[in-house]
Amino acid sequence: MNAPDQVSQRPVVDASSLFRRADHTGITVTSLQDALHFWVDVLGFRFVVQTHYENSVFLENVVGERGAEVTLAMVEGPDGHLIELLEYHAPDNRALLRPRSCDVGSVHLAYMVDQLDELLAKVEAAGWNRLGEPQTVCGGARDGLRIVYVRGPDGVTLEFLQAPRQADGHAARWKNSLGA
């Protein structure tokens, strides 16, 4: 891994010349019905569309899997970010991976939330497990930020972050978890 000073010496690339914005995050699930229940009924995301794709050369080239067949659904979060839930029906040799947070290739999605404890109760009732107790950052620009990871039955990890409480009892309206 490069030291921070080595990274800063690299030529600067303007990401805006390559990317417009993030469009969606795709998550492969065991059961589309169960995933939709969690994302729509528990988290309150908006259902957008559901589509089935039979096996085709087009699909095989997009996903890089021979024999692929998939049903997908898109849900939209309160900030407009789309979550694509994918249930593959083929090929037959699919595997269920449950990486730990420290395993290379492990990914998590992080959401700023207003009511961390209330949300934790809802996701735990839906079969998701917290990976530890909520922690509070002490000191620095993120002072007061509460953080917890939860993991679902398919091994998907979400991070919930709650900005510090203001005098009115509501979480501060930070743009992101860096305290901005």
C-alpha atoms as a PDB file:
ATOM      1  CA  MET A   1       0.000   0.000   0.000  1.00  0.00           C
ATOM      2  CA  ASN A   2       1.276   3.456  -0.817  1.00  0.00           C
ATOM      3  CA  ALA A   3       2.028   5.947   1.896  1.00  0.00           C
ATOM      4  CA  PRO A   4      -0.092   9.145   1.768  1.00  0.00           C
ATOM      5  CA  ASP A   5       2.836  11.208   0.451  1.00  0.00           C
ATOM      6  CA  GLN A   6       3.332   8.745  -2.427  1.00  0.00           C
ATOM      7  CA  VAL A   7      -0.330   8.988  -3.376  1.00  0.00           C
ATOM      8  CA  SER A   8      -0.218  12.786  -3.494  1.00  0.00           C
ATOM      9  CA  GLN A   9       2.670  12.649  -5.987  1.00  0.00           C
ATOM     10  CA  ARG A  10       0.603  10.829  -8.600  1.00  0.00           C
ATOM     11  CA  PRO A  11      -0.638  12.784 -11.630  1.00  0.00           C
ATOM     12  CA  VAL A  12      -3.995  14.397 -10.907  1.00  0.00           C
ATOM     13  CA  VAL A  13      -6.937  12.945 -12.821  1.00  0.00           C
ATOM     14  CA  ASP A  14     -10.151  14.956 -12.997  1.00  0.00           C
ATOM     15  CA  ALA A  15     -12.804  12.396 -12.074  1.00  0.00           C
ATOM     16  CA  SER A  16     -15.540  14.694 -13.425  1.00  0.00           C
ATOM     17  CA  SER A  17     -14.152  14.089 -16.904  1.00  0.00           C
ATOM     18  CA  LEU A  18     -14.768  10.360 -16.412  1.00  0.00           C
ATOM     19  CA  PHE A  19     -17.875  10.126 -14.225  1.00  0.00           C
ATOM     20  CA  ARG A  20     -21.145  12.031 -13.991  1.00  0.00           C
ATOM     21  CA  ARG A  21     -22.527  10.502 -10.767  1.00  0.00           C
ATOM     22  CA  ALA A  22     -23.162   7.192  -9.048  1.00  0.00           C
ATOM     23  CA  ASP A  23     -26.260   5.619 -10.602  1.00  0.00           C
ATOM     24  CA  HIS A  24     -27.078   2.589  -8.471  1.00  0.00           C
ATOM     25  CA  THR A  25     -25.671  -0.072  -6.185  1.00  0.00           C
ATOM     26  CA  GLY A  26     -26.365  -3.681  -7.133  1.00  0.00           C
ATOM     27  CA  ILE A  27     -26.843  -6.385  -4.504  1.00  0.00           C
ATOM     28  CA  THR A  28     -27.274 -10.063  -5.363  1.00  0.00           C
ATOM     29  CA  VAL A  29     -29.818 -11.701  -3.057  1.00  0.00           C
ATOM     30  CA  THR A  30     -31.149 -15.186  -2.354  1.00  0.00           C
ATOM     31  CA  SER A  31     -34.801 -14.122  -2.475  1.00  0.00           C
ATOM     32  CA  LEU A  32     -36.031 -11.033  -4.288  1.00  0.00           C
ATOM     33  CA  GLN A  33     -39.291 -11.207  -2.338  1.00  0.00           C
ATOM     34  CA  ASP A  34     -37.458 -11.180   1.018  1.00  0.00           C
ATOM     35  CA  ALA A  35     -35.119  -8.409  -0.133  1.00  0.00           C
ATOM     36  CA  LEU A  36     -38.014  -6.247  -1.309  1.00  0.00           C
ATOM     37  CA  HIS A  37     -39.749  -6.765   2.027  1.00  0.00           C
ATOM     38  CA  PHE A  38     -36.649  -5.495   3.832  1.00  0.00           C
ATOM     39  CA  TRP A  39     -35.804  -2.537   1.581  1.00  0.00           C
ATOM     40  CA  VAL A  40     -39.406  -1.361   1.012  1.00  0.00           C
ATOM     41  CA  ASP A  41     -41.437  -2.480   4.038  1.00  0.00           C
ATOM     42  CA  VAL A  42     -38.725  -2.188   6.724  1.00  0.00           C
ATOM     43  CA  LEU A  43     -36.466   0.627   5.464  1.00  0.00           C
ATOM     44  CA  GLY A  44     -39.158   2.540   3.569  1.00  0.00           C
ATOM     45  CA  PHE A  45     -37.397   2.730   0.203  1.00  0.00           C
ATOM     46  CA  ARG A  46     -39.663   3.287  -2.807  1.00  0.00           C
ATOM     47  CA  PHE A  47     -40.245   0.353  -5.187  1.00  0.00           C
ATOM     48  CA  VAL A  48     -39.442   1.482  -8.739  1.00  0.00           C
ATOM     49  CA  VAL A  49     -39.514  -1.491 -11.125  1.00  0.00           C
ATOM     50  CA  GLN A  50     -39.078  -5.254 -11.419  1.00  0.00           C
ATOM     51  CA  THR A  51     -37.800  -6.971 -14.575  1.00  0.00           C
ATOM     52  CA  HIS A  52     -36.885 -10.524 -15.577  1.00  0.00           C
ATOM     53  CA  TYR A  53     -34.021 -11.225 -17.993  1.00  0.00           C
ATOM     54  CA  GLU A  54     -33.870 -14.640 -19.667  1.00  0.00           C
ATOM     55  CA  ASN A  55     -30.465 -15.965 -20.593  1.00  0.00           C
ATOM     56  CA  SER A  56     -28.996 -14.223 -23.622  1.00  0.00           C
ATOM     57  CA  VAL A  57     -25.622 -13.338 -25.089  1.00  0.00           C
ATOM     58  CA  PHE A  58     -26.352  -9.737 -24.092  1.00  0.00           C
ATOM     59  CA  LEU A  59     -26.887 -10.653 -20.407  1.00  0.00           C
ATOM     60  CA  GLU A  60     -23.906 -13.015 -20.370  1.00  0.00           C
ATOM     61  CA  ASN A  61     -21.675 -10.221 -21.671  1.00  0.00           C
ATOM     62  CA  VAL A  62     -22.999  -7.663 -19.182  1.00  0.00           C
ATOM     63  CA  VAL A  63     -22.598  -9.835 -16.062  1.00  0.00           C
ATOM     64  CA  GLY A  64     -19.733 -12.031 -17.257  1.00  0.00           C
ATOM     65  CA  GLU A  65     -21.512 -15.330 -16.514  1.00  0.00           C
ATOM     66  CA  ARG A  66     -22.467 -17.978 -19.070  1.00  0.00           C
ATOM     67  CA  GLY A  67     -26.029 -19.181 -18.659  1.00  0.00           C
ATOM     68  CA  ALA A  68     -27.089 -16.244 -16.461  1.00  0.00           C
ATOM     69  CA  GLU A  69     -30.795 -15.608 -15.903  1.00  0.00           C
ATOM     70  CA  VAL A  70     -31.918 -12.962 -13.415  1.00  0.00           C
ATOM     71  CA  THR A  71     -34.897 -11.115 -12.004  1.00  0.00           C
ATOM     72  CA  LEU A  72     -34.091  -7.671 -10.687  1.00  0.00           C
ATOM     73  CA  ALA A  73     -35.905  -4.949  -8.846  1.00  0.00           C
ATOM     74  CA  MET A  74     -34.921  -1.343  -8.314  1.00  0.00           C
ATOM     75  CA  VAL A  75     -35.755   0.537  -5.127  1.00  0.00           C
ATOM     76  CA  GLU A  76     -35.026   4.185  -4.425  1.00  0.00           C
ATOM     77  CA  GLY A  77     -33.720   5.615  -1.176  1.00  0.00           C
ATOM     78  CA  PRO A  78     -34.788   8.924   0.312  1.00  0.00           C
ATOM     79  CA  ASP A  79     -31.773  10.643  -1.284  1.00  0.00           C
ATOM     80  CA  GLY A  80     -32.632   9.295  -4.757  1.00  0.00           C
ATOM     81  CA  HIS A  81     -29.901   6.643  -4.828  1.00  0.00           C
ATOM     82  CA  LEU A  82     -31.101   3.441  -6.480  1.00  0.00           C
ATOM     83  CA  ILE A  83     -30.503  -0.032  -5.056  1.00  0.00           C
ATOM     84  CA  GLU A  84     -30.674  -2.825  -7.643  1.00  0.00           C
ATOM     85  CA  LEU A  85     -31.667  -6.144  -6.063  1.00  0.00           C
ATOM     86  CA  LEU A  86     -30.754  -9.137  -8.236  1.00  0.00           C
ATOM     87  CA  GLU A  87     -31.997 -12.716  -7.810  1.00  0.00           C
ATOM     88  CA  TYR A  88     -30.156 -15.016 -10.220  1.00  0.00           C
ATOM     89  CA  HIS A  89     -31.979 -18.170 -11.325  1.00  0.00           C
ATOM     90  CA  ALA A  90     -29.010 -19.513 -13.309  1.00  0.00           C
ATOM     91  CA  PRO A  91     -26.291 -20.664 -13.576  1.00  0.00           C
ATOM     92  CA  ASP A  92     -26.782 -23.495 -11.086  1.00  0.00           C
ATOM     93  CA  ASN A  93     -23.356 -23.199  -9.416  1.00  0.00           C
ATOM     94  CA  ARG A  94     -24.085 -19.962  -7.560  1.00  0.00           C
ATOM     95  CA  ALA A  95     -22.551 -19.542  -4.089  1.00  0.00           C
ATOM     96  CA  LEU A  96     -23.686 -17.704  -0.972  1.00  0.00           C
ATOM     97  CA  LEU A  97     -20.809 -15.588   0.363  1.00  0.00           C
ATOM     98  CA  ARG A  98     -20.805 -14.078   3.823  1.00  0.00           C
ATOM     99  CA  PRO A  99     -17.551 -12.119   4.031  1.00  0.00           C
ATOM    100  CA  ARG A 100     -16.487 -10.532   7.269  1.00  0.00           C
ATOM    101  CA  SER A 101     -15.868  -6.799   7.267  1.00  0.00           C
ATOM    102  CA  CYS A 102     -12.108  -7.445   7.244  1.00  0.00           C
ATOM    103  CA  ASP A 103     -12.187  -9.836   4.245  1.00  0.00           C
ATOM    104  CA  VAL A 104     -10.794  -8.467   0.993  1.00  0.00           C
ATOM    105  CA  GLY A 105     -13.670  -7.706  -1.354  1.00  0.00           C
ATOM    106  CA  SER A 106     -16.147  -7.068   1.455  1.00  0.00           C
ATOM    107  CA  VAL A 107     -18.341  -4.059   0.686  1.00  0.00           C
ATOM    108  CA  HIS A 108     -20.801  -2.078   2.759  1.00  0.00           C
ATOM    109  CA  LEU A 109     -23.275   0.706   2.092  1.00  0.00           C
ATOM    110  CA  ALA A 110     -23.398   3.571   4.567  1.00  0.00           C
ATOM    111  CA  TYR A 111     -26.477   5.652   5.318  1.00  0.00           C
ATOM    112  CA  MET A 112     -26.823   8.784   7.420  1.00  0.00           C
ATOM    113  CA  VAL A 113     -29.887   8.283   9.635  1.00  0.00           C
ATOM    114  CA  ASP A 114     -31.828  10.404  12.121  1.00  0.00           C
ATOM    115  CA  GLN A 115     -33.042   7.773  14.595  1.00  0.00           C
ATOM    116  CA  LEU A 116     -30.334   5.108  14.907  1.00  0.00           C
ATOM    117  CA  ASP A 117     -31.850   3.188  17.827  1.00  0.00           C
ATOM    118  CA  GLU A 118     -35.314   3.075  16.251  1.00  0.00           C
ATOM    119  CA  LEU A 119     -33.859   1.884  12.936  1.00  0.00           C
ATOM    120  CA  LEU A 120     -31.750  -0.773  14.672  1.00  0.00           C
ATOM    121  CA  ALA A 121     -34.841  -2.188  16.350  1.00  0.00           C
ATOM    122  CA  LYS A 122     -36.626  -2.384  12.981  1.00  0.00           C
ATOM    123  CA  VAL A 123     -33.785  -4.086  11.104  1.00  0.00           C
ATOM    124  CA  GLU A 124     -33.128  -6.536  13.926  1.00  0.00           C
ATOM    125  CA  ALA A 125     -36.826  -7.477  13.974  1.00  0.00           C
ATOM    126  CA  ALA A 126     -36.457  -8.162  10.223  1.00  0.00           C
ATOM    127  CA  GLY A 127     -33.635 -10.671  10.816  1.00  0.00           C
ATOM    128  CA  TRP A 128     -30.582  -8.452  10.367  1.00  0.00           C
ATOM    129  CA  ASN A 129     -27.917  -8.520  13.084  1.00  0.00           C
ATOM    130  CA  ARG A 130     -25.772  -5.719  14.440  1.00  0.00           C
ATOM    131  CA  LEU A 131     -22.081  -6.579  14.296  1.00  0.00           C
ATOM    132  CA  GLY A 132     -21.363  -4.750  17.544  1.00  0.00           C
ATOM    133  CA  GLU A 133     -22.806  -2.103  19.783  1.00  0.00           C
ATOM    134  CA  PRO A 134     -23.290   1.409  18.363  1.00  0.00           C
ATOM    135  CA  GLN A 135     -20.163   3.460  18.940  1.00  0.00           C
ATOM    136  CA  THR A 136     -19.811   7.212  19.397  1.00  0.00           C
ATOM    137  CA  VAL A 137     -16.840   9.130  18.007  1.00  0.00           C
ATOM    138  CA  CYS A 138     -15.114  11.238  20.663  1.00  0.00           C
ATOM    139  CA  GLY A 139     -13.187  14.292  19.496  1.00  0.00           C
ATOM    140  CA  GLY A 140     -12.312  15.779  16.144  1.00  0.00           C
ATOM    141  CA  ALA A 141     -14.574  16.850  13.302  1.00  0.00           C
ATOM    142  CA  ARG A 142     -16.770  13.754  13.753  1.00  0.00           C
ATOM    143  CA  ASP A 143     -17.290  14.237  17.500  1.00  0.00           C
ATOM    144  CA  GLY A 144     -20.623  12.770  18.588  1.00  0.00           C
ATOM    145  CA  LEU A 145     -21.185  10.698  15.429  1.00  0.00           C
ATOM    146  CA  ARG A 146     -22.798   7.335  16.250  1.00  0.00           C
ATOM    147  CA  ILE A 147     -21.894   4.341  14.065  1.00  0.00           C
ATOM    148  CA  VAL A 148     -23.019   0.712  13.788  1.00  0.00           C
ATOM    149  CA  TYR A 149     -22.765  -2.065  11.185  1.00  0.00           C
ATOM    150  CA  VAL A 150     -25.611  -4.510  10.538  1.00  0.00           C
ATOM    151  CA  ARG A 151     -25.529  -7.645   8.390  1.00  0.00           C
ATOM    152  CA  GLY A 152     -28.423  -9.408   6.693  1.00  0.00           C
ATOM    153  CA  PRO A 153     -29.139 -13.065   5.978  1.00  0.00           C
ATOM    154  CA  ASP A 154     -27.433 -12.846   2.550  1.00  0.00           C
ATOM    155  CA  GLY A 155     -24.230 -11.390   4.036  1.00  0.00           C
ATOM    156  CA  VAL A 156     -24.971  -7.800   2.939  1.00  0.00           C
ATOM    157  CA  THR A 157     -23.507  -5.235   5.332  1.00  0.00           C
ATOM    158  CA  LEU A 158     -25.011  -1.801   5.945  1.00  0.00           C
ATOM    159  CA  GLU A 159     -23.504   0.952   8.068  1.00  0.00           C
ATOM    160  CA  PHE A 160     -25.783   3.385   9.846  1.00  0.00           C
ATOM    161  CA  LEU A 161     -24.394   6.733  10.971  1.00  0.00           C
ATOM    162  CA  GLN A 162     -26.212   9.293  13.104  1.00  0.00           C
ATOM    163  CA  ALA A 163     -24.854  12.811  13.411  1.00  0.00           C
ATOM    164  CA  PRO A 164     -24.756  14.303  16.920  1.00  0.00           C
ATOM    165  CA  ARG A 165     -27.979  15.559  18.450  1.00  0.00           C
ATOM    166  CA  GLN A 166     -28.718  19.266  18.320  1.00  0.00           C
ATOM    167  CA  ALA A 167     -30.410  21.264  21.091  1.00  0.00           C
ATOM    168  CA  ASP A 168     -33.827  20.474  19.561  1.00  0.00           C
ATOM    169  CA  GLY A 169     -33.170  16.728  19.906  1.00  0.00           C
ATOM    170  CA  HIS A 170     -32.804  16.055  16.169  1.00  0.00           C
ATOM    171  CA  ALA A 171     -29.643  14.786  14.525  1.00  0.00           C
ATOM    172  CA  ALA A 172     -27.510  17.504  12.947  1.00  0.00           C
ATOM    173  CA  ARG A 173     -27.977  17.801   9.174  1.00  0.00           C
ATOM    174  CA  TRP A 174     -24.507  16.807   8.029  1.00  0.00           C
ATOM    175  CA  LYS A 175     -24.002  16.355   4.290  1.00  0.00           C
ATOM    176  CA  ASN A 176     -21.889  13.274   4.974  1.00  0.00           C
ATOM    177  CA  SER A 177     -20.201  11.350   7.791  1.00  0.00           C
ATOM    178  CA  LEU A 178     -17.125  13.593   7.684  1.00  0.00           C
ATOM    179  CA  GLY A 179     -19.079  16.221   9.563  1.00  0.00           C
ATOM    180  CA  ALA A 180     -19.493  18.449   6.523  1.00  0.00           C
END
